[in-house]
Each structure stands twice: as C-alpha cells, then as structure tokens.
C-alpha cells in the first residue's frame, strides 16, 4: 500500500503533470489535424524519452547510493 501512495505522489510531480498535459495537447492537435503525424511523433518521442530517461537515471543513482 505504501508503494502505491509513493507512485501516486510521483505521478503528481510537476514533471509528470507537464508530460501528461503535453501528451494530451499534442494528441488533440494531431486528431484535429493541426499537427502532422511526423511532428507529433517527434515531440512525443522526445518527451517520453526524457521522462523515462530521468526515471531510469534516478533509479540508477538511488541504487548506487544504497549499494
């Protein structure tokens, strides 16, 4: 249960909120035809790569500190 609370807290972090909002906005713009598929894919890939890259980096740094 504690891990669920921790994950919810992480989800509400500013970085996560920005990622979710940006994803929603670009998805809407893509559906509305305001952005091309290529533009959407480029931006979405960068955002997701950054988000998961920082998550992996944080876990790696935490693992080194504990080990």
N, C-alpha and C. Protein backbone atom coordinates (compact mmCIF):
# COMPACT_ATOMS: atom_id res chain seq x y z
N UNK A 1 0.82 -1.20 0.00
CA UNK A 1 0.00 0.00 0.00
C UNK A 1 0.87 1.26 0.00
N UNK A 2 1.95 1.20 0.72
CA UNK A 2 2.87 2.35 0.79
C UNK A 2 3.48 2.64 -0.58
N UNK A 3 3.77 1.59 -1.32
CA UNK A 3 4.35 1.78 -2.65
C UNK A 3 3.33 2.43 -3.59
N UNK A 4 2.06 2.12 -3.45
CA UNK A 4 1.01 2.72 -4.26
C UNK A 4 0.95 4.22 -3.98
N UNK A 5 1.00 4.59 -2.71
CA UNK A 5 0.98 6.00 -2.33
C UNK A 5 2.19 6.74 -2.90
N UNK A 6 3.34 6.08 -2.84
CA UNK A 6 4.57 6.69 -3.35
C UNK A 6 4.47 6.90 -4.86
N UNK A 7 3.93 5.93 -5.57
CA UNK A 7 3.78 6.06 -7.03
C UNK A 7 2.78 7.15 -7.39
N UNK A 8 1.71 7.28 -6.62
CA UNK A 8 0.74 8.35 -6.87
C UNK A 8 1.37 9.71 -6.63
N UNK A 9 2.20 9.81 -5.60
CA UNK A 9 2.90 11.07 -5.33
C UNK A 9 3.84 11.42 -6.47
N UNK A 10 4.53 10.42 -7.00
CA UNK A 10 5.43 10.65 -8.12
C UNK A 10 4.66 11.05 -9.37
N UNK A 11 3.47 10.49 -9.54
CA UNK A 11 2.65 10.82 -10.70
C UNK A 11 2.23 12.28 -10.66
N UNK A 12 2.06 12.81 -9.48
CA UNK A 12 1.62 14.20 -9.34
C UNK A 12 2.78 15.19 -9.35
N UNK A 13 3.98 14.71 -9.52
CA UNK A 13 5.13 15.60 -9.60
C UNK A 13 4.97 16.51 -10.81
N UNK A 14 5.52 17.68 -10.74
CA UNK A 14 5.37 18.68 -11.80
C UNK A 14 5.79 18.12 -13.15
N UNK A 15 6.88 17.41 -13.18
CA UNK A 15 7.39 16.86 -14.43
C UNK A 15 6.37 15.91 -15.05
N UNK A 16 5.75 15.10 -14.22
CA UNK A 16 4.75 14.16 -14.71
C UNK A 16 3.52 14.88 -15.23
N UNK A 17 3.09 15.91 -14.50
CA UNK A 17 1.92 16.68 -14.93
C UNK A 17 2.18 17.33 -16.28
N UNK A 18 3.36 17.92 -16.44
CA UNK A 18 3.71 18.55 -17.72
C UNK A 18 3.72 17.51 -18.83
N UNK A 19 4.27 16.34 -18.57
CA UNK A 19 4.32 15.28 -19.57
C UNK A 19 2.92 14.86 -19.99
N UNK A 20 2.03 14.66 -19.03
CA UNK A 20 0.67 14.24 -19.33
C UNK A 20 -0.08 15.32 -20.11
N UNK A 21 0.05 16.57 -19.67
CA UNK A 21 -0.63 17.66 -20.37
C UNK A 21 -0.10 17.82 -21.78
N UNK A 22 1.21 17.79 -21.94
CA UNK A 22 1.80 17.92 -23.27
C UNK A 22 1.34 16.79 -24.18
N UNK A 23 1.29 15.59 -23.66
CA UNK A 23 0.82 14.45 -24.44
C UNK A 23 -0.63 14.65 -24.85
N UNK A 24 -1.47 15.09 -23.94
CA UNK A 24 -2.88 15.31 -24.25
C UNK A 24 -3.06 16.41 -25.30
N UNK A 25 -2.33 17.49 -25.16
CA UNK A 25 -2.43 18.60 -26.11
C UNK A 25 -1.99 18.17 -27.50
N UNK A 26 -0.87 17.50 -27.59
CA UNK A 26 -0.41 17.06 -28.90
C UNK A 26 -1.32 16.00 -29.50
N UNK A 27 -1.89 15.15 -28.65
CA UNK A 27 -2.85 14.16 -29.16
C UNK A 27 -4.07 14.87 -29.73
N UNK A 28 -4.57 15.88 -29.02
CA UNK A 28 -5.72 16.65 -29.51
C UNK A 28 -5.38 17.35 -30.83
N UNK A 29 -4.22 17.99 -30.88
CA UNK A 29 -3.82 18.70 -32.10
C UNK A 29 -3.66 17.74 -33.28
N UNK A 30 -3.15 16.55 -33.00
CA UNK A 30 -3.00 15.57 -34.06
C UNK A 30 -4.36 15.11 -34.58
N UNK A 31 -5.30 14.86 -33.68
CA UNK A 31 -6.64 14.44 -34.07
C UNK A 31 -7.35 15.56 -34.82
N UNK A 32 -7.14 16.80 -34.38
CA UNK A 32 -7.77 17.96 -35.01
C UNK A 32 -7.12 18.31 -36.35
N UNK A 33 -6.00 17.68 -36.65
CA UNK A 33 -5.33 17.93 -37.92
C UNK A 33 -4.43 19.15 -37.92
N UNK A 34 -4.10 19.66 -36.75
CA UNK A 34 -3.24 20.85 -36.66
C UNK A 34 -1.76 20.51 -36.72
N UNK A 35 -1.41 19.29 -36.42
CA UNK A 35 -0.03 18.86 -36.47
C UNK A 35 0.05 17.60 -37.32
N UNK A 36 1.14 17.45 -38.01
CA UNK A 36 1.31 16.25 -38.82
C UNK A 36 1.69 15.08 -37.91
N UNK A 37 1.53 13.90 -38.43
CA UNK A 37 1.90 12.71 -37.67
C UNK A 37 3.39 12.73 -37.35
N UNK A 38 4.19 13.17 -38.30
CA UNK A 38 5.64 13.22 -38.09
C UNK A 38 6.01 14.20 -36.97
N UNK A 39 5.37 15.36 -36.95
CA UNK A 39 5.63 16.34 -35.89
C UNK A 39 5.21 15.77 -34.53
N UNK A 40 4.05 15.16 -34.49
CA UNK A 40 3.57 14.57 -33.24
C UNK A 40 4.53 13.51 -32.74
N UNK A 41 4.94 12.62 -33.64
CA UNK A 41 5.83 11.54 -33.25
C UNK A 41 7.16 12.06 -32.73
N UNK A 42 7.69 13.09 -33.38
CA UNK A 42 8.96 13.67 -32.94
C UNK A 42 8.86 14.24 -31.54
N UNK A 43 7.87 15.08 -31.30
CA UNK A 43 7.71 15.71 -29.98
C UNK A 43 7.40 14.66 -28.92
N UNK A 44 6.50 13.77 -29.21
CA UNK A 44 6.11 12.74 -28.24
C UNK A 44 7.30 11.86 -27.87
N UNK A 45 8.10 11.48 -28.86
CA UNK A 45 9.27 10.64 -28.60
C UNK A 45 10.27 11.35 -27.70
N UNK A 46 10.50 12.62 -27.95
CA UNK A 46 11.44 13.39 -27.12
C UNK A 46 10.93 13.48 -25.68
N UNK A 47 9.65 13.78 -25.52
CA UNK A 47 9.09 13.93 -24.17
C UNK A 47 9.15 12.61 -23.41
N UNK A 48 8.72 11.56 -24.05
CA UNK A 48 8.71 10.25 -23.39
C UNK A 48 10.13 9.78 -23.09
N UNK A 49 11.04 9.96 -24.02
CA UNK A 49 12.44 9.57 -23.79
C UNK A 49 13.03 10.34 -22.62
N UNK A 50 12.75 11.64 -22.56
CA UNK A 50 13.25 12.43 -21.45
C UNK A 50 12.64 11.97 -20.13
N UNK A 51 11.35 11.75 -20.13
CA UNK A 51 10.66 11.34 -18.90
C UNK A 51 11.20 10.02 -18.38
N UNK A 52 11.24 9.01 -19.25
CA UNK A 52 11.71 7.70 -18.81
C UNK A 52 13.22 7.69 -18.59
N UNK A 53 13.95 8.52 -19.32
CA UNK A 53 15.39 8.61 -19.10
C UNK A 53 15.72 9.16 -17.73
N UNK A 54 14.99 10.18 -17.30
CA UNK A 54 15.23 10.73 -15.97
C UNK A 54 14.78 9.76 -14.89
N UNK A 55 13.72 9.00 -15.16
CA UNK A 55 13.27 7.98 -14.19
C UNK A 55 14.36 6.92 -14.02
N UNK A 56 14.92 6.45 -15.13
CA UNK A 56 15.96 5.42 -15.07
C UNK A 56 17.22 5.96 -14.39
N UNK A 57 17.56 7.21 -14.69
CA UNK A 57 18.74 7.83 -14.08
C UNK A 57 18.56 7.96 -12.57
N UNK A 58 17.36 8.35 -12.15
CA UNK A 58 17.08 8.50 -10.73
C UNK A 58 17.18 7.15 -10.02
N UNK A 59 16.66 6.09 -10.65
CA UNK A 59 16.74 4.75 -10.04
C UNK A 59 18.18 4.29 -9.95
N UNK A 60 18.97 4.56 -11.00
CA UNK A 60 20.37 4.17 -11.01
C UNK A 60 21.15 4.91 -9.92
N UNK A 61 20.88 6.19 -9.78
CA UNK A 61 21.56 6.98 -8.74
C UNK A 61 21.15 6.51 -7.36
N UNK A 62 19.90 6.17 -7.18
CA UNK A 62 19.42 5.65 -5.89
C UNK A 62 20.03 4.31 -5.57
N UNK A 63 20.21 3.48 -6.58
CA UNK A 63 20.80 2.16 -6.38
C UNK A 63 22.27 2.26 -5.97
N UNK A 64 23.00 3.23 -6.55
CA UNK A 64 24.40 3.42 -6.21
C UNK A 64 24.54 3.95 -4.78
N UNK A 65 23.61 4.82 -4.39
CA UNK A 65 23.68 5.40 -3.05
C UNK A 65 23.40 4.34 -1.99
N UNK A 66 22.53 3.39 -2.33
CA UNK A 66 22.17 2.34 -1.38
C UNK A 66 23.17 1.20 -1.38
N UNK A 67 23.96 1.09 -2.45
CA UNK A 67 24.84 -0.08 -2.59
C UNK A 67 26.22 0.15 -2.28
